[in-house]
Amino acid sequence: MSSMSNAVDETVEKNADACSVVEAVEQIGSQWRLVVLHDLQDGEKRFNELKRSTGASSRTLSRVLDDLEDAGLVNRRVEDRPIATYYSLAEKGERLCPVFDELERWADDWLETAADD
């Protein structure tokens, strides 16, 4: 029994570092969340601009933006005249920009190579 307990403890310890990565991916990991976050790197956009640039349906985009706002990754600003809603990356979202740049470099290096194999 003791060796089994030690093995479990060792596995938990080995996976402790990966837990934060898994948690981060779960927070930003859906296809639409990534598309919207990547698109907002260019600056603040209105809802309809995001809809056009991402190709998401209104329902999907609305849900994703609400999720991203709840997660603290996106800020929402509402103007009364003219009535418009603007979205931008919050500080937490802006900190992902270097991650997106690295993922893009990795994809350029490795995904094209994998397709050629």
PDB file of N, CA and C in Angstrom:
ATOM      1  N   MET A   1       0.805  -1.189   0.000  1.00  0.00           N
ATOM      2  CA  MET A   1       0.000   0.000   0.000  1.00  0.00           C
ATOM      3  C   MET A   1       0.853   1.260   0.000  1.00  0.00           C
ATOM      4  N   SER A   2       1.909   1.231   0.770  1.00  0.00           N
ATOM      5  CA  SER A   2       2.768   2.394   0.893  1.00  0.00           C
ATOM      6  C   SER A   2       3.432   2.748  -0.431  1.00  0.00           C
ATOM      7  N   SER A   3       3.857   1.744  -1.202  1.00  0.00           N
ATOM      8  CA  SER A   3       4.488   2.026  -2.496  1.00  0.00           C
ATOM      9  C   SER A   3       3.474   2.605  -3.476  1.00  0.00           C
ATOM     10  N   MET A   4       2.212   2.184  -3.390  1.00  0.00           N
ATOM     11  CA  MET A   4       1.166   2.727  -4.255  1.00  0.00           C
ATOM     12  C   MET A   4       0.914   4.196  -3.914  1.00  0.00           C
ATOM     13  N   SER A   5       0.877   4.500  -2.631  1.00  0.00           N
ATOM     14  CA  SER A   5       0.675   5.862  -2.168  1.00  0.00           C
ATOM     15  C   SER A   5       1.826   6.760  -2.631  1.00  0.00           C
ATOM     16  N   ASN A   6       3.045   6.246  -2.543  1.00  0.00           N
ATOM     17  CA  ASN A   6       4.213   7.000  -3.005  1.00  0.00           C
ATOM     18  C   ASN A   6       4.149   7.259  -4.500  1.00  0.00           C
ATOM     19  N   ALA A   7       3.688   6.282  -5.267  1.00  0.00           N
ATOM     20  CA  ALA A   7       3.567   6.443  -6.714  1.00  0.00           C
ATOM     21  C   ALA A   7       2.544   7.511  -7.053  1.00  0.00           C
ATOM     22  N   VAL A   8       1.435   7.533  -6.345  1.00  0.00           N
ATOM     23  CA  VAL A   8       0.406   8.552  -6.572  1.00  0.00           C
ATOM     24  C   VAL A   8       0.948   9.929  -6.226  1.00  0.00           C
ATOM     25  N   ASP A   9       1.627  10.035  -5.081  1.00  0.00           N
ATOM     26  CA  ASP A   9       2.209  11.310  -4.676  1.00  0.00           C
ATOM     27  C   ASP A   9       3.218  11.803  -5.709  1.00  0.00           C
ATOM     28  N   GLU A  10       4.020  10.888  -6.229  1.00  0.00           N
ATOM     29  CA  GLU A  10       5.024  11.239  -7.227  1.00  0.00           C
ATOM     30  C   GLU A  10       4.367  11.729  -8.522  1.00  0.00           C
ATOM     31  N   THR A  11       3.290  11.082  -8.943  1.00  0.00           N
ATOM     32  CA  THR A  11       2.569  11.492 -10.145  1.00  0.00           C
ATOM     33  C   THR A  11       1.960  12.871  -9.962  1.00  0.00           C
ATOM     34  N   VAL A  12       1.351  13.100  -8.819  1.00  0.00           N
ATOM     35  CA  VAL A  12       0.754  14.407  -8.528  1.00  0.00           C
ATOM     36  C   VAL A  12       1.836  15.478  -8.543  1.00  0.00           C
ATOM     37  N   GLU A  13       2.974  15.183  -7.947  1.00  0.00           N
ATOM     38  CA  GLU A  13       4.076  16.141  -7.905  1.00  0.00           C
ATOM     39  C   GLU A  13       4.594  16.457  -9.311  1.00  0.00           C
ATOM     40  N   LYS A  14       4.727  15.442 -10.149  1.00  0.00           N
ATOM     41  CA  LYS A  14       5.215  15.637 -11.515  1.00  0.00           C
ATOM     42  C   LYS A  14       4.239  16.475 -12.332  1.00  0.00           C
ATOM     43  N   ASN A  15       2.939  16.322 -12.077  1.00  0.00           N
ATOM     44  CA  ASN A  15       1.931  17.036 -12.855  1.00  0.00           C
ATOM     45  C   ASN A  15       1.599  18.415 -12.294  1.00  0.00           C
ATOM     46  N   ALA A  16       2.147  18.771 -11.149  1.00  0.00           N
ATOM     47  CA  ALA A  16       1.837  20.053 -10.529  1.00  0.00           C
ATOM     48  C   ALA A  16       2.214  21.218 -11.444  1.00  0.00           C
ATOM     49  N   ASP A  17       3.360  21.117 -12.112  1.00  0.00           N
ATOM     50  CA  ASP A  17       3.778  22.188 -13.011  1.00  0.00           C
ATOM     51  C   ASP A  17       2.843  22.311 -14.207  1.00  0.00           C
ATOM     52  N   ALA A  18       2.339  21.197 -14.686  1.00  0.00           N
ATOM     53  CA  ALA A  18       1.446  21.220 -15.848  1.00  0.00           C
ATOM     54  C   ALA A  18       0.066  21.760 -15.491  1.00  0.00           C
ATOM     55  N   CYS A  19      -0.325  21.727 -14.249  1.00  0.00           N
ATOM     56  CA  CYS A  19      -1.661  22.162 -13.851  1.00  0.00           C
ATOM     57  C   CYS A  19      -1.946  23.601 -14.257  1.00  0.00           C
ATOM     58  N   SER A  20      -0.993  24.503 -14.078  1.00  0.00           N
ATOM     59  CA  SER A  20      -1.237  25.893 -14.440  1.00  0.00           C
ATOM     60  C   SER A  20      -1.370  26.047 -15.950  1.00  0.00           C
ATOM     61  N   VAL A  21      -0.634  25.250 -16.701  1.00  0.00           N
ATOM     62  CA  VAL A  21      -0.745  25.290 -18.159  1.00  0.00           C
ATOM     63  C   VAL A  21      -2.113  24.783 -18.594  1.00  0.00           C
ATOM     64  N   VAL A  22      -2.543  23.687 -18.018  1.00  0.00           N
ATOM     65  CA  VAL A  22      -3.854  23.121 -18.339  1.00  0.00           C
ATOM     66  C   VAL A  22      -4.950  24.118 -17.982  1.00  0.00           C
ATOM     67  N   GLU A  23      -4.842  24.744 -16.828  1.00  0.00           N
ATOM     68  CA  GLU A  23      -5.838  25.724 -16.393  1.00  0.00           C
ATOM     69  C   GLU A  23      -5.884  26.917 -17.357  1.00  0.00           C
ATOM     70  N   ALA A  24      -4.722  27.385 -17.803  1.00  0.00           N
ATOM     71  CA  ALA A  24      -4.673  28.507 -18.748  1.00  0.00           C
ATOM     72  C   ALA A  24      -5.310  28.126 -20.072  1.00  0.00           C
ATOM     73  N   VAL A  25      -5.013  26.950 -20.566  1.00  0.00           N
ATOM     74  CA  VAL A  25      -5.577  26.496 -21.833  1.00  0.00           C
ATOM     75  C   VAL A  25      -7.095  26.351 -21.726  1.00  0.00           C
ATOM     76  N   GLU A  26      -7.577  25.877 -20.592  1.00  0.00           N
ATOM     77  CA  GLU A  26      -9.018  25.762 -20.406  1.00  0.00           C
ATOM     78  C   GLU A  26      -9.695  27.126 -20.434  1.00  0.00           C
ATOM     79  N   GLN A  27      -9.017  28.160 -19.923  1.00  0.00           N
ATOM     80  CA  GLN A  27      -9.604  29.491 -19.877  1.00  0.00           C
ATOM     81  C   GLN A  27      -9.627  30.158 -21.249  1.00  0.00           C
ATOM     82  N   ILE A  28      -8.617  29.909 -22.074  1.00  0.00           N
ATOM     83  CA  ILE A  28      -8.533  30.579 -23.379  1.00  0.00           C
ATOM     84  C   ILE A  28      -8.644  29.617 -24.544  1.00  0.00           C
ATOM     85  N   GLY A  29      -8.863  28.330 -24.257  1.00  0.00           N
ATOM     86  CA  GLY A  29      -8.645  27.288 -25.227  1.00  0.00           C
ATOM     87  C   GLY A  29      -9.658  27.035 -26.316  1.00  0.00           C
ATOM     88  N   SER A  30     -10.867  27.594 -26.261  1.00  0.00           N
ATOM     89  CA  SER A  30     -11.801  27.280 -27.335  1.00  0.00           C
ATOM     90  C   SER A  30     -11.381  27.982 -28.617  1.00  0.00           C
ATOM     91  N   GLN A  31     -11.769  27.417 -29.717  1.00  0.00           N
ATOM     92  CA  GLN A  31     -11.404  27.982 -31.020  1.00  0.00           C
ATOM     93  C   GLN A  31     -11.837  29.444 -31.119  1.00  0.00           C
ATOM     94  N   TRP A  32     -13.075  29.729 -30.778  1.00  0.00           N
ATOM     95  CA  TRP A  32     -13.575  31.091 -30.933  1.00  0.00           C
ATOM     96  C   TRP A  32     -12.925  32.052 -29.957  1.00  0.00           C
ATOM     97  N   ARG A  33     -12.639  31.602 -28.752  1.00  0.00           N
ATOM     98  CA  ARG A  33     -11.944  32.482 -27.807  1.00  0.00           C
ATOM     99  C   ARG A  33     -10.582  32.882 -28.348  1.00  0.00           C
ATOM    100  N   LEU A  34      -9.858  31.908 -28.877  1.00  0.00           N
ATOM    101  CA  LEU A  34      -8.534  32.210 -29.440  1.00  0.00           C
ATOM    102  C   LEU A  34      -8.626  33.149 -30.628  1.00  0.00           C
ATOM    103  N   VAL A  35      -9.610  32.934 -31.491  1.00  0.00           N
ATOM    104  CA  VAL A  35      -9.779  33.793 -32.668  1.00  0.00           C
ATOM    105  C   VAL A  35     -10.063  35.230 -32.236  1.00  0.00           C
ATOM    106  N   VAL A  36     -10.974  35.402 -31.280  1.00  0.00           N
ATOM    107  CA  VAL A  36     -11.338  36.746 -30.817  1.00  0.00           C
ATOM    108  C   VAL A  36     -10.158  37.414 -30.109  1.00  0.00           C
ATOM    109  N   LEU A  37      -9.491  36.698 -29.233  1.00  0.00           N
ATOM    110  CA  LEU A  37      -8.333  37.282 -28.542  1.00  0.00           C
ATOM    111  C   LEU A  37      -7.254  37.687 -29.531  1.00  0.00           C
ATOM    112  N   HIS A  38      -6.994  36.838 -30.493  1.00  0.00           N
ATOM    113  CA  HIS A  38      -5.982  37.154 -31.506  1.00  0.00           C
ATOM    114  C   HIS A  38      -6.396  38.379 -32.309  1.00  0.00           C
ATOM    115  N   ASP A  39      -7.665  38.462 -32.664  1.00  0.00           N
ATOM    116  CA  ASP A  39      -8.168  39.579 -33.456  1.00  0.00           C
ATOM    117  C   ASP A  39      -8.094  40.901 -32.696  1.00  0.00           C
ATOM    118  N   LEU A  40      -8.304  40.863 -31.394  1.00  0.00           N
ATOM    119  CA  LEU A  40      -8.265  42.083 -30.588  1.00  0.00           C
ATOM    120  C   LEU A  40      -6.846  42.579 -30.331  1.00  0.00           C
ATOM    121  N   GLN A  41      -5.845  41.821 -30.732  1.00  0.00           N
ATOM    122  CA  GLN A  41      -4.468  42.306 -30.605  1.00  0.00           C
ATOM    123  C   GLN A  41      -4.254  43.578 -31.418  1.00  0.00           C
ATOM    124  N   ASP A  42      -5.057  43.753 -32.469  1.00  0.00           N
ATOM    125  CA  ASP A  42      -4.928  44.929 -33.331  1.00  0.00           C
ATOM    126  C   ASP A  42      -5.561  46.174 -32.720  1.00  0.00           C
ATOM    127  N   GLY A  43      -6.231  46.027 -31.585  1.00  0.00           N
ATOM    128  CA  GLY A  43      -6.831  47.182 -30.917  1.00  0.00           C
ATOM    129  C   GLY A  43      -8.325  47.013 -30.731  1.00  0.00           C
ATOM    130  N   GLU A  44      -8.920  48.034 -30.153  1.00  0.00           N
ATOM    131  CA  GLU A  44     -10.340  48.035 -29.834  1.00  0.00           C
ATOM    132  C   GLU A  44     -11.194  47.898 -31.095  1.00  0.00           C
ATOM    133  N   LYS A  45     -12.256  47.091 -30.973  1.00  0.00           N
ATOM    134  CA  LYS A  45     -13.163  46.883 -32.106  1.00  0.00           C
ATOM    135  C   LYS A  45     -14.600  46.863 -31.627  1.00  0.00           C
ATOM    136  N   ARG A  46     -15.483  47.310 -32.506  1.00  0.00           N
ATOM    137  CA  ARG A  46     -16.913  47.212 -32.235  1.00  0.00           C
ATOM    138  C   ARG A  46     -17.365  45.780 -32.476  1.00  0.00           C
ATOM    139  N   PHE A  47     -18.520  45.442 -31.910  1.00  0.00           N
ATOM    140  CA  PHE A  47     -19.058  44.092 -32.034  1.00  0.00           C
ATOM    141  C   PHE A  47     -19.142  43.673 -33.497  1.00  0.00           C
ATOM    142  N   ASN A  48     -19.732  44.521 -34.343  1.00  0.00           N
ATOM    143  CA  ASN A  48     -19.906  44.160 -35.753  1.00  0.00           C
ATOM    144  C   ASN A  48     -18.577  44.031 -36.494  1.00  0.00           C
ATOM    145  N   GLU A  49     -17.576  44.813 -36.087  1.00  0.00           N
ATOM    146  CA  GLU A  49     -16.239  44.662 -36.682  1.00  0.00           C
ATOM    147  C   GLU A  49     -15.668  43.286 -36.336  1.00  0.00           C
ATOM    148  N   LEU A  50     -15.836  42.886 -35.082  1.00  0.00           N
ATOM    149  CA  LEU A  50     -15.366  41.562 -34.664  1.00  0.00           C
ATOM    150  C   LEU A  50     -16.128  40.456 -35.386  1.00  0.00           C
ATOM    151  N   LYS A  51     -17.410  40.663 -35.560  1.00  0.00           N
ATOM    152  CA  LYS A  51     -18.233  39.664 -36.249  1.00  0.00           C
ATOM    153  C   LYS A  51     -17.735  39.464 -37.678  1.00  0.00           C
ATOM    154  N   ARG A  52     -17.462  40.569 -38.362  1.00  0.00           N
ATOM    155  CA  ARG A  52     -16.956  40.476 -39.746  1.00  0.00           C
ATOM    156  C   ARG A  52     -15.558  39.873 -39.804  1.00  0.00           C
ATOM    157  N   SER A  53     -14.684  40.327 -38.923  1.00  0.00           N
ATOM    158  CA  SER A  53     -13.285  39.894 -39.007  1.00  0.00           C
ATOM    159  C   SER A  53     -13.075  38.455 -38.554  1.00  0.00           C
ATOM    160  N   THR A  54     -13.936  37.970 -37.652  1.00  0.00           N
ATOM    161  CA  THR A  54     -13.766  36.595 -37.163  1.00  0.00           C
ATOM    162  C   THR A  54     -14.625  35.586 -37.908  1.00  0.00           C
ATOM    163  N   GLY A  55     -15.733  36.048 -38.489  1.00  0.00           N
ATOM    164  CA  GLY A  55     -16.650  35.134 -39.153  1.00  0.00           C
ATOM    165  C   GLY A  55     -17.573  34.400 -38.197  1.00  0.00           C
ATOM    166  N   ALA A  56     -17.580  34.798 -36.944  1.00  0.00           N
ATOM    167  CA  ALA A  56     -18.440  34.158 -35.940  1.00  0.00           C
ATOM    168  C   ALA A  56     -19.872  34.660 -36.086  1.00  0.00           C
ATOM    169  N   SER A  57     -20.823  33.805 -35.743  1.00  0.00           N
ATOM    170  CA  SER A  57     -22.218  34.246 -35.725  1.00  0.00           C
ATOM    171  C   SER A  57     -22.405  35.209 -34.551  1.00  0.00           C
ATOM    172  N   SER A  58     -23.469  36.002 -34.594  1.00  0.00           N
ATOM    173  CA  SER A  58     -23.745  36.950 -33.504  1.00  0.00           C
ATOM    174  C   SER A  58     -23.881  36.227 -32.173  1.00  0.00           C
ATOM    175  N   ARG A  59     -24.573  35.112 -32.173  1.00  0.00           N
ATOM    176  CA  ARG A  59     -24.796  34.353 -30.936  1.00  0.00           C
ATOM    177  C   ARG A  59     -23.476  33.825 -30.372  1.00  0.00           C
ATOM    178  N   THR A  60     -22.665  33.235 -31.235  1.00  0.00           N
ATOM    179  CA  THR A  60     -21.372  32.701 -30.799  1.00  0.00           C
ATOM    180  C   THR A  60     -20.475  33.815 -30.287  1.00  0.00           C
ATOM    181  N   LEU A  61     -20.388  34.895 -31.052  1.00  0.00           N
ATOM    182  CA  LEU A  61     -19.517  36.003 -30.666  1.00  0.00           C
ATOM    183  C   LEU A  61     -19.964  36.611 -29.340  1.00  0.00           C
ATOM    184  N   SER A  62     -21.251  36.792 -29.155  1.00  0.00           N
ATOM    185  CA  SER A  62     -21.769  37.350 -27.915  1.00  0.00           C
ATOM    186  C   SER A  62     -21.405  36.468 -26.730  1.00  0.00           C
ATOM    187  N   ARG A  63     -21.581  35.166 -26.884  1.00  0.00           N
ATOM    188  CA  ARG A  63     -21.246  34.215 -25.815  1.00  0.00           C
ATOM    189  C   ARG A  63     -19.754  34.242 -25.499  1.00  0.00           C
ATOM    190  N   VAL A  64     -18.936  34.231 -26.547  1.00  0.00           N
ATOM    191  CA  VAL A  64     -17.481  34.227 -26.363  1.00  0.00           C
ATOM    192  C   VAL A  64     -17.015  35.513 -25.689  1.00  0.00           C
ATOM    193  N   LEU A  65     -17.533  36.646 -26.127  1.00  0.00           N
ATOM    194  CA  LEU A  65     -17.134  37.918 -25.522  1.00  0.00           C
ATOM    195  C   LEU A  65     -17.556  37.981 -24.051  1.00  0.00           C
ATOM    196  N   ASP A  66     -18.746  37.474 -23.735  1.00  0.00           N
ATOM    197  CA  ASP A  66     -19.173  37.425 -22.331  1.00  0.00           C
ATOM    198  C   ASP A  66     -18.225  36.549 -21.513  1.00  0.00           C
ATOM    199  N   ASP A  67     -17.864  35.391 -22.055  1.00  0.00           N
ATOM    200  CA  ASP A  67     -16.937  34.490 -21.358  1.00  0.00           C
ATOM    201  C   ASP A  67     -15.579  35.150 -21.140  1.00  0.00           C
ATOM    202  N   LEU A  68     -15.076  35.816 -22.178  1.00  0.00           N
ATOM    203  CA  LEU A  68     -13.765  36.464 -22.083  1.00  0.00           C
ATOM    204  C   LEU A  68     -13.795  37.639 -21.105  1.00  0.00           C
ATOM    205  N   GLU A  69     -14.907  38.354 -21.080  1.00  0.00           N
ATOM    206  CA  GLU A  69     -15.047  39.446 -20.125  1.00  0.00           C
ATOM    207  C   GLU A  69     -15.097  38.893 -18.698  1.00  0.00           C
ATOM    208  N   ASP A  70     -15.865  37.821 -18.497  1.00  0.00           N
ATOM    209  CA  ASP A  70     -15.945  37.187 -17.168  1.00  0.00           C
ATOM    210  C   ASP A  70     -14.587  36.677 -16.702  1.00  0.00           C
ATOM    211  N   ALA A  71     -13.760  36.235 -17.640  1.00  0.00           N
ATOM    212  CA  ALA A  71     -12.428  35.721 -17.310  1.00  0.00           C
ATOM    213  C   ALA A  71     -11.404  36.843 -17.106  1.00  0.00           C
ATOM    214  N   GLY A  72     -11.819  38.085 -17.348  1.00  0.00           N
ATOM    215  CA  GLY A  72     -10.906  39.219 -17.173  1.00  0.00           C
ATOM    216  C   GLY A  72      -9.934  39.413 -18.315  1.00  0.00           C
ATOM    217  N   LEU A  73     -10.215  38.803 -19.463  1.00  0.00           N
ATOM    218  CA  LEU A  73      -9.315  38.902 -20.619  1.00  0.00           C
ATOM    219  C   LEU A  73      -9.700  40.040 -21.568  1.00  0.00           C
ATOM    220  N   VAL A  74     -10.964  40.453 -21.523  1.00  0.00           N
ATOM    221  CA  VAL A  74     -11.476  41.464 -22.449  1.00  0.00           C
ATOM    222  C   VAL A  74     -12.247  42.520 -21.662  1.00  0.00           C
ATOM    223  N   ASN A  75     -12.105  43.770 -22.093  1.00  0.00           N
ATOM    224  CA  ASN A  75     -12.890  44.876 -21.547  1.00  0.00           C
ATOM    225  C   ASN A  75     -13.991  45.241 -22.523  1.00  0.00           C
ATOM    226  N   ARG A  76     -15.131  45.645 -21.980  1.00  0.00           N
ATOM    227  CA  ARG A  76     -16.247  46.106 -22.801  1.00  0.00           C
ATOM    228  C   ARG A  76     -16.549  47.557 -22.443  1.00  0.00           C
ATOM    229  N   ARG A  77     -16.734  48.378 -23.477  1.00  0.00           N
ATOM    230  CA  ARG A  77     -17.057  49.792 -23.290  1.00  0.00           C
ATOM    231  C   ARG A  77     -18.297  50.090 -24.115  1.00  0.00           C
ATOM    232  N   VAL A  78     -19.304  50.706 -23.492  1.00  0.00           N
ATOM    233  CA  VAL A  78     -20.552  51.029 -24.176  1.00  0.00           C
ATOM    234  C   VAL A  78     -20.651  52.540 -24.327  1.00  0.00           C
ATOM    235  N   GLU A  79     -20.928  52.976 -25.541  1.00  0.00           N
ATOM    236  CA  GLU A  79     -21.141  54.394 -25.848  1.00  0.00           C
ATOM    237  C   GLU A  79     -22.624  54.625 -26.113  1.00  0.00           C
ATOM    238  N   ASP A  80     -23.150  55.761 -25.646  1.00  0.00           N
ATOM    239  CA  ASP A  80     -24.565  56.067 -25.842  1.00  0.00           C
ATOM    240  C   ASP A  80     -24.844  56.725 -27.184  1.00  0.00           C
ATOM    241  N   ARG A  81     -23.969  57.576 -27.640  1.00  0.00           N
ATOM    242  CA  ARG A  81     -24.204  58.316 -28.894  1.00  0.00           C
ATOM    243  C   ARG A  81     -22.990  58.236 -29.788  1.00  0.00           C
ATOM    244  N   PRO A  82     -23.022  57.561 -30.884  1.00  0.00           N
ATOM    245  CA  PRO A  82     -24.063  56.619 -31.271  1.00  0.00           C
ATOM    246  C   PRO A  82     -23.953  55.361 -30.408  1.00  0.00           C
ATOM    247  N   ILE A  83     -25.044  54.647 -30.299  1.00  0.00           N
ATOM    248  CA  ILE A  83     -25.051  53.435 -29.485  1.00  0.00           C
ATOM    249  C   ILE A  83     -24.096  52.426 -30.108  1.00  0.00           C
ATOM    250  N   ALA A  84     -23.090  52.050 -29.333  1.00  0.00           N
ATOM    251  CA  ALA A  84     -22.095  51.098 -29.824  1.00  0.00           C
ATOM    252  C   ALA A  84     -21.402  50.442 -28.638  1.00  0.00           C
ATOM    253  N   THR A  85     -21.003  49.207 -28.830  1.00  0.00           N
ATOM    254  CA  THR A  85     -20.252  48.472 -27.819  1.00  0.00           C
ATOM    255  C   THR A  85     -18.882  48.166 -28.389  1.00  0.00           C
ATOM    256  N   TYR A  86     -17.856  48.516 -27.637  1.00  0.00           N
ATOM    257  CA  TYR A  86     -16.473  48.326 -28.052  1.00  0.00           C
ATOM    258  C   TYR A  86     -15.808  47.298 -27.146  1.00  0.00           C
ATOM    259  N   TYR A  87     -14.931  46.508 -27.737  1.00  0.00           N
ATOM    260  CA  TYR A  87     -14.199  45.492 -26.989  1.00  0.00           C
ATOM    261  C   TYR A  87     -12.708  45.690 -27.210  1.00  0.00           C
ATOM    262  N   SER A  88     -11.957  45.460 -26.145  1.00  0.00           N
ATOM    263  CA  SER A  88     -10.497  45.548 -26.223  1.00  0.00           C
ATOM    264  C   SER A  88      -9.913  44.536 -25.248  1.00  0.00           C
ATOM    265  N   LEU A  89      -8.639  44.258 -25.428  1.00  0.00           N
ATOM    266  CA  LEU A  89      -7.960  43.348 -24.505  1.00  0.00           C
ATOM    267  C   LEU A  89      -7.740  44.038 -23.170  1.00  0.00           C
ATOM    268  N   ALA A  90      -8.063  43.351 -22.101  1.00  0.00           N
ATOM    269  CA  ALA A  90      -7.711  43.808 -20.763  1.00  0.00           C
ATOM    270  C   ALA A  90      -6.216  43.515 -20.565  1.00  0.00           C
ATOM    271  N   GLU A  91      -5.649  43.992 -19.493  1.00  0.00           N
ATOM    272  CA  GLU A  91      -4.223  43.743 -19.245  1.00  0.00           C
ATOM    273  C   GLU A  91      -3.918  42.249 -19.271  1.00  0.00           C
ATOM    274  N   LYS A  92      -4.791  41.472 -18.667  1.00  0.00           N
ATOM    275  CA  LYS A  92      -4.612  40.016 -18.646  1.00  0.00           C
ATOM    276  C   LYS A  92      -4.596  39.449 -20.059  1.00  0.00           C
ATOM    277  N   GLY A  93      -5.438  39.966 -20.944  1.00  0.00           N
ATOM    278  CA  GLY A  93      -5.470  39.535 -22.335  1.00  0.00           C
ATOM    279  C   GLY A  93      -4.251  40.008 -23.108  1.00  0.00           C
ATOM    280  N   GLU A  94      -3.811  41.237 -22.830  1.00  0.00           N
ATOM    281  CA  GLU A  94      -2.630  41.776 -23.520  1.00  0.00           C
ATOM    282  C   GLU A  94      -1.385  40.944 -23.214  1.00  0.00           C
ATOM    283  N   ARG A  95      -1.338  40.376 -22.020  1.00  0.00           N
ATOM    284  CA  ARG A  95      -0.184  39.564 -21.640  1.00  0.00           C
ATOM    285  C   ARG A  95      -0.091  38.277 -22.455  1.00  0.00           C
ATOM    286  N   LEU A  96      -1.177  37.944 -23.181  1.00  0.00           N
ATOM    287  CA  LEU A  96      -1.173  36.767 -24.057  1.00  0.00           C
ATOM    288  C   LEU A  96      -0.548  37.046 -25.427  1.00  0.00           C
ATOM    289  N   CYS A  97      -0.377  38.304 -25.794  1.00  0.00           N
ATOM    290  CA  CYS A  97       0.135  38.634 -27.128  1.00  0.00           C
ATOM    291  C   CYS A  97       1.467  37.953 -27.442  1.00  0.00           C
ATOM    292  N   PRO A  98       2.444  37.966 -26.541  1.00  0.00           N
ATOM    293  CA  PRO A  98       3.692  37.252 -26.836  1.00  0.00           C
ATOM    294  C   PRO A  98       3.476  35.745 -27.001  1.00  0.00           C
ATOM    295  N   VAL A  99       2.501  35.199 -26.287  1.00  0.00           N
ATOM    296  CA  VAL A  99       2.189  33.771 -26.408  1.00  0.00           C
ATOM    297  C   VAL A  99       1.657  33.485 -27.804  1.00  0.00           C
ATOM    298  N   PHE A 100       0.756  34.346 -28.280  1.00  0.00           N
ATOM    299  CA  PHE A 100       0.224  34.176 -29.639  1.00  0.00           C
ATOM    300  C   PHE A 100       1.333  34.281 -30.679  1.00  0.00           C
ATOM    301  N   ASP A 101       2.248  35.226 -30.474  1.00  0.00           N
ATOM    302  CA  ASP A 101       3.370  35.378 -31.411  1.00  0.00           C
ATOM    303  C   ASP A 101       4.216  34.108 -31.459  1.00  0.00           C
ATOM    304  N   GLU A 102       4.488  33.533 -30.291  1.00  0.00           N
ATOM    305  CA  GLU A 102       5.275  32.298 -30.233  1.00  0.00           C
ATOM    306  C   GLU A 102       4.531  31.128 -30.869  1.00  0.00           C
ATOM    307  N   LEU A 103       3.244  31.018 -30.596  1.00  0.00           N
ATOM    308  CA  LEU A 103       2.444  29.950 -31.213  1.00  0.00           C
ATOM    309  C   LEU A 103       2.426  30.087 -32.738  1.00  0.00           C
ATOM    310  N   GLU A 104       2.349  31.320 -33.206  1.00  0.00           N
ATOM    311  CA  GLU A 104       2.356  31.550 -34.648  1.00  0.00           C
ATOM    312  C   GLU A 104       3.695  31.128 -35.259  1.00  0.00           C
ATOM    313  N   ARG A 105       4.784  31.475 -34.588  1.00  0.00           N
ATOM    314  CA  ARG A 105       6.113  31.057 -35.076  1.00  0.00           C
ATOM    315  C   ARG A 105       6.236  29.534 -35.064  1.00  0.00           C
ATOM    316  N   TRP A 106       5.768  28.926 -33.980  1.00  0.00           N
ATOM    317  CA  TRP A 106       5.817  27.467 -33.883  1.00  0.00           C
ATOM    318  C   TRP A 106       4.998  26.827 -35.002  1.00  0.00           C
ATOM    319  N   ALA A 107       3.804  27.340 -35.227  1.00  0.00           N
ATOM    320  CA  ALA A 107       2.941  26.796 -36.284  1.00  0.00           C
ATOM    321  C   ALA A 107       3.597  26.953 -37.650  1.00  0.00           C
ATOM    322  N   ASP A 108       4.200  28.113 -37.899  1.00  0.00           N
ATOM    323  CA  ASP A 108       4.886  28.331 -39.179  1.00  0.00           C
ATOM    324  C   ASP A 108       6.025  27.336 -39.369  1.00  0.00           C
ATOM    325  N   ASP A 109       6.754  27.054 -38.305  1.00  0.00           N
ATOM    326  CA  ASP A 109       7.895  26.143 -38.391  1.00  0.00           C
ATOM    327  C   ASP A 109       7.494  24.676 -38.473  1.00  0.00           C
ATOM    328  N   TRP A 110       6.486  24.295 -37.714  1.00  0.00           N
ATOM    329  CA  TRP A 110       6.210  22.877 -37.540  1.00  0.00           C
ATOM    330  C   TRP A 110       4.965  22.365 -38.255  1.00  0.00           C
ATOM    331  N   LEU A 111       3.947  23.161 -38.376  1.00  0.00           N
ATOM    332  CA  LEU A 111       2.727  22.653 -38.994  1.00  0.00           C
ATOM    333  C   LEU A 111       2.873  22.517 -40.498  1.00  0.00           C
ATOM    334  N   GLU A 112       3.595  23.418 -41.127  1.00  0.00           N
ATOM    335  CA  GLU A 112       3.856  23.285 -42.562  1.00  0.00           C
ATOM    336  C   GLU A 112       4.728  22.066 -42.832  1.00  0.00           C
ATOM    337  N   THR A 113       5.703  21.842 -41.955  1.00  0.00           N
ATOM    338  CA  THR A 113       6.585  20.688 -42.079  1.00  0.00           C
ATOM    339  C   THR A 113       5.791  19.398 -41.932  1.00  0.00           C
ATOM    340  N   ALA A 114       4.877  19.373 -40.964  1.00  0.00           N
ATOM    341  CA  ALA A 114       4.049  18.181 -40.739  1.00  0.00           C
ATOM    342  C   ALA A 114       3.157  17.911 -41.940  1.00  0.00           C
ATOM    343  N   ALA A 115       2.659  18.960 -42.571  1.00  0.00           N
ATOM    344  CA  ALA A 115       1.793  18.793 -43.748  1.00  0.00           C
ATOM    345  C   ALA A 115       2.591  18.249 -44.938  1.00  0.00           C
ATOM    346  N   ASP A 116       3.872  18.599 -44.985  1.00  0.00           N
ATOM    347  CA  ASP A 116       4.727  18.137 -46.081  1.00  0.00           C
ATOM    348  C   ASP A 116       5.144  16.684 -45.936  1.00  0.00           C
ATOM    349  N   ASP A 117       5.127  16.167 -44.696  1.00  0.00           N
ATOM    350  CA  ASP A 117       5.585  14.790 -44.437  1.00  0.00           C
ATOM    351  C   ASP A 117       4.639  13.760 -44.959  1.00  0.00           C
TER     352      ASP A 117
END
